Amino acid sequence: MEPLNNPHEEQVLKTKHDEDGKNPFKPTSAFIGASWFALLTGTVGYCVGLWNADMALNEKGYYFTILLFGLFAVISVQKSVRDKAEGLPVTELYYGLSWFATIACMVLLTVGLWNADLALSEKGFYGMSFVLSVFSAIAVQKNTRDAKLFEDKNV
């Protein structure tokens, strides 16, 4: 069975995208602010938790490095996925490494927390603040790119 074509819906799609298929709309200030707030809340909360944790310095360094690695990895994935969607050249090696790094940091955090001598509430805190941080990093990167694309289109 064929889906019904709504001429109004087609017009809306045409107005939302230009001839290149790139979104010309600037992200709202509320979404930009919420994304930055979530990123700062997640990363600062994670770091404050590490600072106050009763664990060895090398353990704190491990969890901090995982956070930095995860933030970089998800931004790389977001950028390479977006580049591919917009027809910009992305090598398969970089694309694959970006996904590998993203999965690796999540596995490393999971294994580290699984084996850590921490209360279950602490493990949950680190897991949730990590997820909040990496998800909001993707949103901040998307907003930054959308705002730049909007500026380039409307100069």
C-alpha atoms as a PDB file:
ATOM      1  CA  MET A   1       0.000   0.000   0.000  1.00  0.00           C
ATOM      2  CA  GLU A   2       1.327   3.440  -0.967  1.00  0.00           C
ATOM      3  CA  PRO A   3       1.432   6.247   1.617  1.00  0.00           C
ATOM      4  CA  LEU A   4      -0.833   9.199   0.927  1.00  0.00           C
ATOM      5  CA  ASN A   5       0.997  12.226  -0.409  1.00  0.00           C
ATOM      6  CA  ASN A   6       0.087  15.424   1.339  1.00  0.00           C
ATOM      7  CA  PRO A   7       0.938  18.426  -0.904  1.00  0.00           C
ATOM      8  CA  HIS A   8       1.165  20.689   2.156  1.00  0.00           C
ATOM      9  CA  GLU A   9       3.719  18.335   3.751  1.00  0.00           C
ATOM     10  CA  GLU A  10       5.830  18.377   0.589  1.00  0.00           C
ATOM     11  CA  GLN A  11       5.773  22.190   0.613  1.00  0.00           C
ATOM     12  CA  VAL A  12       6.886  22.239   4.259  1.00  0.00           C
ATOM     13  CA  LEU A  13       9.770  19.912   3.433  1.00  0.00           C
ATOM     14  CA  LYS A  14      10.785  22.115   0.526  1.00  0.00           C
ATOM     15  CA  THR A  15      10.819  25.222   2.721  1.00  0.00           C
ATOM     16  CA  LYS A  16      12.844  23.509   5.451  1.00  0.00           C
ATOM     17  CA  HIS A  17      15.707  22.543   3.166  1.00  0.00           C
ATOM     18  CA  ASP A  18      17.481  24.371   0.399  1.00  0.00           C
ATOM     19  CA  GLU A  19      18.597  22.864  -2.882  1.00  0.00           C
ATOM     20  CA  ASP A  20      21.624  21.194  -1.246  1.00  0.00           C
ATOM     21  CA  GLY A  21      19.475  19.441   1.365  1.00  0.00           C
ATOM     22  CA  LYS A  22      21.132  21.412   4.168  1.00  0.00           C
ATOM     23  CA  ASN A  23      18.997  22.850   6.931  1.00  0.00           C
ATOM     24  CA  PRO A  24      19.140  26.671   6.749  1.00  0.00           C
ATOM     25  CA  PHE A  25      17.463  27.292  10.123  1.00  0.00           C
ATOM     26  CA  LYS A  26      19.392  28.600  13.099  1.00  0.00           C
ATOM     27  CA  PRO A  27      18.955  26.619  16.345  1.00  0.00           C
ATOM     28  CA  THR A  28      16.895  28.418  18.964  1.00  0.00           C
ATOM     29  CA  SER A  29      18.580  30.177  21.854  1.00  0.00           C
ATOM     30  CA  ALA A  30      16.657  27.951  24.264  1.00  0.00           C
ATOM     31  CA  PHE A  31      18.027  24.758  22.677  1.00  0.00           C
ATOM     32  CA  ILE A  32      21.557  26.157  22.543  1.00  0.00           C
ATOM     33  CA  GLY A  33      21.352  27.205  26.184  1.00  0.00           C
ATOM     34  CA  ALA A  34      19.844  23.905  27.306  1.00  0.00           C
ATOM     35  CA  SER A  35      22.544  21.958  25.455  1.00  0.00           C
ATOM     36  CA  TRP A  36      25.364  23.961  27.019  1.00  0.00           C
ATOM     37  CA  PHE A  37      23.727  23.742  30.446  1.00  0.00           C
ATOM     38  CA  ALA A  38      23.448  19.955  30.143  1.00  0.00           C
ATOM     39  CA  LEU A  39      27.073  19.668  28.997  1.00  0.00           C
ATOM     40  CA  LEU A  40      28.344  21.782  31.876  1.00  0.00           C
ATOM     41  CA  THR A  41      26.112  20.014  34.396  1.00  0.00           C
ATOM     42  CA  GLY A  42      27.279  16.579  33.272  1.00  0.00           C
ATOM     43  CA  THR A  43      30.986  17.331  33.023  1.00  0.00           C
ATOM     44  CA  VAL A  44      31.225  19.497  36.143  1.00  0.00           C
ATOM     45  CA  GLY A  45      29.150  17.005  38.137  1.00  0.00           C
ATOM     46  CA  TYR A  46      31.335  14.118  36.952  1.00  0.00           C
ATOM     47  CA  CYS A  47      34.524  16.034  37.816  1.00  0.00           C
ATOM     48  CA  VAL A  48      33.250  17.171  41.222  1.00  0.00           C
ATOM     49  CA  GLY A  49      32.316  13.566  41.948  1.00  0.00           C
ATOM     50  CA  LEU A  50      35.835  12.466  41.013  1.00  0.00           C
ATOM     51  CA  TRP A  51      37.414  15.232  43.081  1.00  0.00           C
ATOM     52  CA  ASN A  52      35.492  14.178  46.177  1.00  0.00           C
ATOM     53  CA  ALA A  53      35.777  10.438  45.568  1.00  0.00           C
ATOM     54  CA  ASP A  54      37.666   8.246  47.963  1.00  0.00           C
ATOM     55  CA  MET A  55      39.773   6.464  45.361  1.00  0.00           C
ATOM     56  CA  ALA A  56      43.399   6.359  44.312  1.00  0.00           C
ATOM     57  CA  LEU A  57      44.710   9.145  42.090  1.00  0.00           C
ATOM     58  CA  ASN A  58      45.378   6.733  39.215  1.00  0.00           C
ATOM     59  CA  GLU A  59      41.739   5.605  39.403  1.00  0.00           C
ATOM     60  CA  LYS A  60      40.557   9.206  39.259  1.00  0.00           C
ATOM     61  CA  GLY A  61      42.827   9.752  36.272  1.00  0.00           C
ATOM     62  CA  TYR A  62      41.337   6.718  34.530  1.00  0.00           C
ATOM     63  CA  TYR A  63      37.771   7.983  34.902  1.00  0.00           C
ATOM     64  CA  PHE A  64      38.723  11.535  33.915  1.00  0.00           C
ATOM     65  CA  THR A  65      40.522  10.275  30.799  1.00  0.00           C
ATOM     66  CA  ILE A  66      37.477   8.185  29.875  1.00  0.00           C
ATOM     67  CA  LEU A  67      35.315  11.322  30.084  1.00  0.00           C
ATOM     68  CA  LEU A  68      37.658  13.321  27.839  1.00  0.00           C
ATOM     69  CA  PHE A  69      38.008  10.396  25.427  1.00  0.00           C
ATOM     70  CA  GLY A  70      34.238   9.965  25.289  1.00  0.00           C
ATOM     71  CA  LEU A  71      33.557  13.651  24.620  1.00  0.00           C
ATOM     72  CA  PHE A  72      36.073  13.717  21.785  1.00  0.00           C
ATOM     73  CA  ALA A  73      34.813  10.436  20.336  1.00  0.00           C
ATOM     74  CA  VAL A  74      31.140  11.397  20.156  1.00  0.00           C
ATOM     75  CA  ILE A  75      31.961  14.780  18.636  1.00  0.00           C
ATOM     76  CA  SER A  76      34.021  12.978  15.992  1.00  0.00           C
ATOM     77  CA  VAL A  77      31.141  10.620  15.245  1.00  0.00           C
ATOM     78  CA  GLN A  78      28.661  13.500  15.027  1.00  0.00           C
ATOM     79  CA  LYS A  79      30.942  15.433  12.711  1.00  0.00           C
ATOM     80  CA  SER A  80      31.721  12.531  10.406  1.00  0.00           C
ATOM     81  CA  VAL A  81      28.078  11.411  10.207  1.00  0.00           C
ATOM     82  CA  ARG A  82      27.007  14.962   9.425  1.00  0.00           C
ATOM     83  CA  ASP A  83      29.800  15.394   6.866  1.00  0.00           C
ATOM     84  CA  LYS A  84      28.711  12.217   5.084  1.00  0.00           C
ATOM     85  CA  ALA A  85      25.064  13.325   5.119  1.00  0.00           C
ATOM     86  CA  GLU A  86      26.038  16.653   3.569  1.00  0.00           C
ATOM     87  CA  GLY A  87      28.172  15.042   0.892  1.00  0.00           C
ATOM     88  CA  LEU A  88      31.509  16.147   2.326  1.00  0.00           C
ATOM     89  CA  PRO A  89      34.367  13.671   1.980  1.00  0.00           C
ATOM     90  CA  VAL A  90      35.004  11.471   5.020  1.00  0.00           C
ATOM     91  CA  THR A  91      37.435   8.580   4.870  1.00  0.00           C
ATOM     92  CA  GLU A  92      36.054   5.244   5.959  1.00  0.00           C
ATOM     93  CA  LEU A  93      39.091   4.863   8.225  1.00  0.00           C
ATOM     94  CA  TYR A  94      38.247   8.023  10.187  1.00  0.00           C
ATOM     95  CA  TYR A  95      34.555   7.175  10.243  1.00  0.00           C
ATOM     96  CA  GLY A  96      35.289   3.677  11.564  1.00  0.00           C
ATOM     97  CA  LEU A  97      37.805   4.938  14.119  1.00  0.00           C
ATOM     98  CA  SER A  98      35.288   7.487  15.389  1.00  0.00           C
ATOM     99  CA  TRP A  99      32.712   4.769  16.007  1.00  0.00           C
ATOM    100  CA  PHE A 100      35.341   2.463  17.507  1.00  0.00           C
ATOM    101  CA  ALA A 101      36.482   5.199  19.915  1.00  0.00           C
ATOM    102  CA  THR A 102      32.882   5.929  20.944  1.00  0.00           C
ATOM    103  CA  ILE A 103      32.125   2.284  21.650  1.00  0.00           C
ATOM    104  CA  ALA A 104      35.510   1.751  23.334  1.00  0.00           C
ATOM    105  CA  CYS A 105      35.041   4.605  25.824  1.00  0.00           C
ATOM    106  CA  MET A 106      31.610   3.292  26.785  1.00  0.00           C
ATOM    107  CA  VAL A 107      32.935  -0.231  27.223  1.00  0.00           C
ATOM    108  CA  LEU A 108      35.920   1.034  29.238  1.00  0.00           C
ATOM    109  CA  LEU A 109      33.662   3.050  31.537  1.00  0.00           C
ATOM    110  CA  THR A 110      31.309   0.098  31.984  1.00  0.00           C
ATOM    111  CA  VAL A 111      34.139  -2.319  32.773  1.00  0.00           C
ATOM    112  CA  GLY A 112      35.771   0.200  35.106  1.00  0.00           C
ATOM    113  CA  LEU A 113      32.567   0.832  37.032  1.00  0.00           C
ATOM    114  CA  TRP A 114      31.645  -2.859  37.083  1.00  0.00           C
ATOM    115  CA  ASN A 115      34.935  -3.730  38.762  1.00  0.00           C
ATOM    116  CA  ALA A 116      35.201  -0.622  40.942  1.00  0.00           C
ATOM    117  CA  ASP A 117      34.890  -0.829  44.696  1.00  0.00           C
ATOM    118  CA  LEU A 118      32.180   1.846  44.764  1.00  0.00           C
ATOM    119  CA  ALA A 119      28.665   1.993  46.110  1.00  0.00           C
ATOM    120  CA  LEU A 120      26.003   1.252  43.522  1.00  0.00           C
ATOM    121  CA  SER A 121      24.744   4.837  43.839  1.00  0.00           C
ATOM    122  CA  GLU A 122      28.224   6.152  42.961  1.00  0.00           C
ATOM    123  CA  LYS A 123      28.442   3.863  39.951  1.00  0.00           C
ATOM    124  CA  GLY A 124      25.063   5.125  38.807  1.00  0.00           C
ATOM    125  CA  PHE A 125      26.130   8.726  39.340  1.00  0.00           C
ATOM    126  CA  TYR A 126      29.237   8.325  37.169  1.00  0.00           C
ATOM    127  CA  GLY A 127      27.313   6.430  34.507  1.00  0.00           C
ATOM    128  CA  MET A 128      24.497   8.970  34.293  1.00  0.00           C
ATOM    129  CA  SER A 129      26.739  12.036  34.367  1.00  0.00           C
ATOM    130  CA  PHE A 130      28.874  10.452  31.627  1.00  0.00           C
ATOM    131  CA  VAL A 131      25.819   9.782  29.456  1.00  0.00           C
ATOM    132  CA  LEU A 132      24.539  13.329  30.049  1.00  0.00           C
ATOM    133  CA  SER A 133      27.934  14.746  29.107  1.00  0.00           C
ATOM    134  CA  VAL A 134      28.396  12.810  25.875  1.00  0.00           C
ATOM    135  CA  PHE A 135      24.807  13.284  24.718  1.00  0.00           C
ATOM    136  CA  SER A 136      24.916  17.020  25.354  1.00  0.00           C
ATOM    137  CA  ALA A 137      28.323  17.260  23.622  1.00  0.00           C
ATOM    138  CA  ILE A 138      26.629  15.911  20.496  1.00  0.00           C
ATOM    139  CA  ALA A 139      23.864  18.509  20.831  1.00  0.00           C
ATOM    140  CA  VAL A 140      26.363  21.350  21.348  1.00  0.00           C
ATOM    141  CA  GLN A 141      28.340  20.227  18.286  1.00  0.00           C
ATOM    142  CA  LYS A 142      25.137  20.046  16.232  1.00  0.00           C
ATOM    143  CA  ASN A 143      24.054  23.513  17.363  1.00  0.00           C
ATOM    144  CA  THR A 144      27.483  24.958  16.606  1.00  0.00           C
ATOM    145  CA  ARG A 145      27.445  23.497  13.128  1.00  0.00           C
ATOM    146  CA  ASP A 146      23.846  24.519  12.424  1.00  0.00           C
ATOM    147  CA  ALA A 147      24.541  28.089  13.578  1.00  0.00           C
ATOM    148  CA  LYS A 148      27.630  28.262  11.348  1.00  0.00           C
ATOM    149  CA  LEU A 149      25.674  26.900   8.373  1.00  0.00           C
ATOM    150  CA  PHE A 150      22.943  29.476   9.020  1.00  0.00           C
ATOM    151  CA  GLU A 151      25.504  32.304   9.142  1.00  0.00           C
ATOM    152  CA  ASP A 152      27.157  31.110   5.921  1.00  0.00           C
ATOM    153  CA  LYS A 153      23.794  30.940   4.124  1.00  0.00           C
ATOM    154  CA  ASN A 154      22.600  34.341   5.330  1.00  0.00           C
ATOM    155  CA  VAL A 155      25.677  36.523   4.943  1.00  0.00           C
END
